[in-house]
Amino acid sequence: MGLFTRRKRDAVDEGVEAVAQDATENTDDPRPETPGRGPHDVADVPDLEGRLDLGALRVPARPGMQLRLEVEKRTNNIVAVTLGLTGSAMQLQVFAAPRTQGIWDELRAEITDSIGKQGGTVDQIDGPFGTELLARIPVRVAEGQISHRPARFVGVDGPRWFLRAVLTGKSAIEQEAAAELEEVLADVVVVRGVEARAPRDVLLLHAPGKPRAPQQPGAEPDLDITRRGPEITEVR
């Protein structure tokens, strides 16, 4: 299922693998001021301590948080991270975006159309990060029956980047269950880098604290959130 695809490019149907480790990040950035509610750009954050270094993302550590890095088999690149807390999950992916305008407005229409073609439904709602999508995605369950899985799509346009979060489980439909993951999202820092990239190119991640050379920059995965991925490992 292609929920985030470049125009005129065929969707890539790739499986995902998972790795999980723990790390912390320290920095001596001299900028004095601390920004308000995020997600943030790295240029606005004076102190990255207490966040896991995943490459293009710095994710705040939380007690008992579970972490799964998702790998595109074709390129062996880590293209997303899924965080688990108290029975809910949030998948994060970050992409390059144009310098002068955001892309979330047009992406909402594309996601709505994609889910609708599969027999799902989408409502546009106001959330703590702006306009969101509340989707009911068809999934096949036991004995070939079709059920519907709720998912919240949150989009954040930053300076030359776009961050997409997909909340599933109780956090998709219960405000109280979503609060903890929303606080994590609000404290995420994006490290865009200075490289020239085409809009919608995925920004690659790496295992916590372990940079790795990117392969095939510009490869754009199609992550199917209706498929069950590998089990999540707890970050301690």
Protein backbone atom coordinates (compact mmCIF):
# COMPACT_ATOMS: atom_id res chain seq x y z
CA MET A 1 0.00 0.00 0.00
CA GLY A 2 1.58 3.28 -1.08
CA LEU A 3 0.77 5.99 1.44
CA PHE A 4 3.70 8.24 0.62
CA THR A 5 5.01 7.99 -2.93
CA ARG A 6 6.75 10.29 -5.37
CA ARG A 7 4.59 11.29 -8.33
CA LYS A 8 5.05 9.14 -11.46
CA ARG A 9 7.07 6.56 -9.56
CA ASP A 10 5.90 2.99 -9.06
CA ALA A 11 5.46 1.99 -5.43
CA VAL A 12 8.12 -0.33 -4.06
CA ASP A 13 6.69 -3.29 -2.23
CA GLU A 14 9.46 -4.07 0.22
CA GLY A 15 9.41 -6.00 3.45
CA VAL A 16 11.02 -4.56 6.53
CA GLU A 17 13.48 -5.89 9.07
CA ALA A 18 14.19 -4.55 12.53
CA VAL A 19 17.11 -3.71 14.76
CA ALA A 20 17.09 -2.08 18.17
CA GLN A 21 19.75 -0.60 20.40
CA ASP A 22 20.13 2.13 23.01
CA ALA A 23 22.21 5.30 22.94
CA THR A 24 22.37 8.86 24.18
CA GLU A 25 23.57 12.03 22.47
CA ASN A 26 25.57 14.96 23.85
CA THR A 27 26.39 18.24 22.15
CA ASP A 28 28.17 21.50 22.94
CA ASP A 29 26.10 23.63 20.57
CA PRO A 30 26.45 27.22 21.89
CA ARG A 31 23.01 28.48 20.89
CA PRO A 32 21.43 29.80 24.11
CA GLU A 33 17.70 29.56 23.64
CA THR A 34 15.46 26.48 23.99
CA PRO A 35 12.58 26.31 21.48
CA GLY A 36 8.97 25.70 22.35
CA ARG A 37 6.83 22.75 21.31
CA GLY A 38 8.28 20.83 18.38
CA PRO A 39 9.14 18.78 16.46
CA HIS A 40 12.27 20.90 16.11
CA ASP A 41 14.96 21.61 13.57
CA VAL A 42 18.45 20.90 14.88
CA ALA A 43 19.42 24.54 14.30
CA ASP A 44 16.92 25.57 17.00
CA VAL A 45 17.97 23.13 19.72
CA PRO A 46 20.95 24.03 21.92
CA ASP A 47 21.13 20.67 23.72
CA LEU A 48 20.46 17.21 22.27
CA GLU A 49 21.22 15.34 25.49
CA GLY A 50 18.68 12.67 26.41
CA ARG A 51 17.77 11.89 22.80
CA LEU A 52 18.65 8.77 20.81
CA ASP A 53 20.89 9.52 17.82
CA LEU A 54 19.20 7.86 14.85
CA GLY A 55 20.84 9.94 12.15
CA ALA A 56 18.26 12.23 10.54
CA LEU A 57 16.19 12.02 13.74
CA ARG A 58 17.01 12.58 17.39
CA VAL A 59 14.32 10.85 19.42
CA PRO A 60 13.80 11.53 23.14
CA ALA A 61 14.35 8.47 25.32
CA ARG A 62 11.52 7.43 27.64
CA PRO A 63 11.50 4.72 30.35
CA GLY A 64 10.12 1.50 28.91
CA MET A 65 9.97 2.86 25.36
CA GLN A 66 10.27 0.20 22.69
CA LEU A 67 12.10 0.90 19.45
CA ARG A 68 12.08 -0.81 16.07
CA LEU A 69 14.16 0.39 13.14
CA GLU A 70 12.67 -0.55 9.79
CA VAL A 71 14.99 -1.56 6.98
CA GLU A 72 14.24 -1.55 3.26
CA LYS A 73 15.51 -4.91 2.04
CA ARG A 74 16.31 -3.73 -1.48
CA THR A 75 18.85 -1.13 -0.34
CA ASN A 76 19.50 -2.24 3.27
CA ASN A 77 18.78 1.36 4.32
CA ILE A 78 17.01 2.17 7.57
CA VAL A 79 14.05 4.27 6.46
CA ALA A 80 11.76 4.56 9.50
CA VAL A 81 11.56 4.04 13.23
CA THR A 82 8.58 2.76 15.20
CA LEU A 83 8.30 3.67 18.87
CA GLY A 84 6.11 1.73 21.30
CA LEU A 85 4.72 2.99 24.60
CA THR A 86 1.94 1.57 26.80
CA GLY A 87 0.31 -0.53 24.11
CA SER A 88 0.45 2.04 21.30
CA ALA A 89 2.93 2.66 18.50
CA MET A 90 4.14 5.62 16.45
CA GLN A 91 6.04 5.27 13.19
CA LEU A 92 8.28 8.19 12.19
CA GLN A 93 9.66 8.96 8.74
CA VAL A 94 11.38 12.14 7.61
CA PHE A 95 11.73 13.43 4.05
CA ALA A 96 13.34 16.28 2.17
CA ALA A 97 10.96 19.10 1.25
CA PRO A 98 11.06 22.27 -0.86
CA ARG A 99 12.78 25.32 0.57
CA THR A 100 9.83 27.68 0.08
CA GLN A 101 6.72 25.64 0.89
CA GLY A 102 5.44 22.66 2.84
CA ILE A 103 4.03 19.46 1.34
CA TRP A 104 1.57 18.24 4.01
CA ASP A 105 -1.45 19.84 2.35
CA GLU A 106 -0.98 17.92 -0.90
CA LEU A 107 0.04 14.71 0.86
CA ARG A 108 -3.19 14.57 2.84
CA ALA A 109 -5.10 14.38 -0.43
CA GLU A 110 -2.83 11.61 -1.72
CA ILE A 111 -3.14 9.54 1.46
CA THR A 112 -6.92 9.97 1.49
CA ASP A 113 -7.15 8.82 -2.13
CA SER A 114 -4.87 5.82 -1.55
CA ILE A 115 -6.79 4.55 1.47
CA GLY A 116 -10.13 5.16 -0.22
CA LYS A 117 -9.12 2.99 -3.18
CA GLN A 118 -8.47 0.13 -0.76
CA GLY A 119 -11.91 0.40 0.78
CA GLY A 120 -10.91 2.43 3.81
CA THR A 121 -12.18 5.78 5.02
CA VAL A 122 -10.41 8.97 6.12
CA ASP A 123 -11.60 11.96 8.17
CA GLN A 124 -9.70 15.23 8.37
CA ILE A 125 -9.45 16.45 11.96
CA ASP A 126 -7.74 19.16 14.01
CA GLY A 127 -5.01 17.84 16.29
CA PRO A 128 -2.26 19.20 18.54
CA PHE A 129 0.12 19.46 15.55
CA GLY A 130 -2.40 20.95 13.14
CA THR A 131 -4.55 19.22 10.55
CA GLU A 132 -4.41 15.43 10.79
CA LEU A 133 -6.01 12.43 9.13
CA LEU A 134 -7.91 9.77 11.06
CA ALA A 135 -8.01 6.70 8.85
CA ARG A 136 -9.72 3.33 9.06
CA ILE A 137 -7.54 1.01 7.01
CA PRO A 138 -8.82 -2.39 5.83
CA VAL A 139 -6.73 -5.34 7.01
CA ARG A 140 -7.17 -9.08 6.51
CA VAL A 141 -7.63 -11.04 9.73
CA ALA A 142 -8.26 -14.70 10.56
CA GLU A 143 -10.09 -16.86 8.01
CA GLY A 144 -9.88 -14.18 5.34
CA GLN A 145 -12.16 -11.73 7.11
CA ILE A 146 -11.62 -8.00 6.61
CA SER A 147 -11.39 -5.68 9.59
CA HIS A 148 -10.48 -2.00 9.82
CA ARG A 149 -7.45 -0.69 11.68
CA PRO A 150 -7.51 2.92 12.94
CA ALA A 151 -4.47 5.10 12.29
CA ARG A 152 -3.70 8.79 12.82
CA PHE A 153 -1.53 10.49 10.23
CA VAL A 154 0.29 13.56 11.57
CA GLY A 155 2.38 15.76 9.28
CA VAL A 156 4.85 18.47 10.25
CA ASP A 157 6.42 20.79 7.67
CA GLY A 158 9.85 22.02 8.77
CA PRO A 159 12.65 23.99 7.11
CA ARG A 160 13.43 21.86 4.03
CA TRP A 161 12.06 18.72 5.68
CA PHE A 162 8.76 16.98 6.29
CA LEU A 163 8.14 14.63 9.23
CA ARG A 164 5.34 12.08 9.10
CA ALA A 165 4.07 10.28 12.19
CA VAL A 166 1.56 7.43 12.07
CA LEU A 167 -0.06 6.54 15.41
CA THR A 168 -1.70 3.14 15.79
CA GLY A 169 -3.25 1.16 18.59
CA LYS A 170 -5.13 3.00 21.31
CA SER A 171 -3.28 6.23 20.52
CA ALA A 172 -5.14 6.45 17.21
CA ILE A 173 -8.54 6.84 18.88
CA GLU A 174 -8.04 7.62 22.58
CA GLN A 175 -6.72 11.02 23.64
CA GLU A 176 -5.35 9.81 26.96
CA ALA A 177 -3.46 6.95 25.32
CA ALA A 178 -2.01 9.30 22.70
CA ALA A 179 -0.70 11.91 25.14
CA GLU A 180 2.61 10.21 25.92
CA LEU A 181 3.51 9.56 22.28
CA GLU A 182 2.45 13.10 21.36
CA GLU A 183 4.91 14.42 23.94
CA VAL A 184 7.65 12.29 22.38
CA LEU A 185 6.79 13.66 18.93
CA ALA A 186 6.87 17.22 20.26
CA ASP A 187 10.44 16.65 21.48
CA VAL A 188 11.82 15.06 18.29
CA VAL A 189 14.67 16.89 16.54
CA VAL A 190 15.22 16.64 12.76
CA VAL A 191 18.76 16.75 11.36
CA ARG A 192 18.17 17.57 7.69
CA GLY A 193 21.77 18.00 6.60
CA VAL A 194 22.98 20.41 3.92
CA GLU A 195 22.94 18.04 0.95
CA ALA A 196 20.81 18.93 -2.05
CA ARG A 197 17.89 16.50 -2.19
CA ALA A 198 14.78 16.23 -4.29
CA PRO A 199 11.48 16.87 -2.47
CA ARG A 200 10.11 13.67 -0.89
CA ASP A 201 13.44 11.87 -0.81
CA VAL A 202 13.59 9.86 2.40
CA LEU A 203 16.22 10.99 4.92
CA LEU A 204 18.01 7.89 6.11
CA LEU A 205 18.37 6.73 9.71
CA HIS A 206 20.91 4.54 11.46
CA ALA A 207 21.06 2.40 14.58
CA PRO A 208 21.32 4.53 17.73
CA GLY A 209 24.76 6.11 17.96
CA LYS A 210 26.15 4.11 15.01
CA PRO A 211 26.31 6.09 11.74
CA ARG A 212 26.46 4.08 8.55
CA ALA A 213 27.15 5.06 4.96
CA PRO A 214 23.89 5.64 3.06
CA GLN A 215 23.19 3.52 0.02
CA GLN A 216 21.41 4.80 -3.06
CA PRO A 217 20.37 8.26 -1.81
CA GLY A 218 16.90 9.14 -3.04
CA ALA A 219 15.52 5.61 -2.74
CA GLU A 220 11.94 5.97 -1.60
CA PRO A 221 10.37 3.06 0.30
CA ASP A 222 6.73 2.13 0.44
CA LEU A 223 6.07 1.17 4.06
CA ASP A 224 2.82 -0.71 4.47
CA ILE A 225 1.49 -0.01 7.96
CA THR A 226 -1.16 -2.72 7.56
CA ARG A 227 1.54 -5.42 7.65
CA ARG A 228 2.74 -6.70 10.99
CA GLY A 229 6.43 -6.05 11.39
CA PRO A 230 9.04 -7.79 13.53
CA GLU A 231 8.57 -7.69 17.27
CA ILE A 232 9.68 -4.52 19.04
CA THR A 233 12.59 -4.67 21.45
CA GLU A 234 12.53 -2.57 24.62
CA VAL A 235 14.98 0.28 25.04
CA ARG A 236 16.48 0.25 28.53
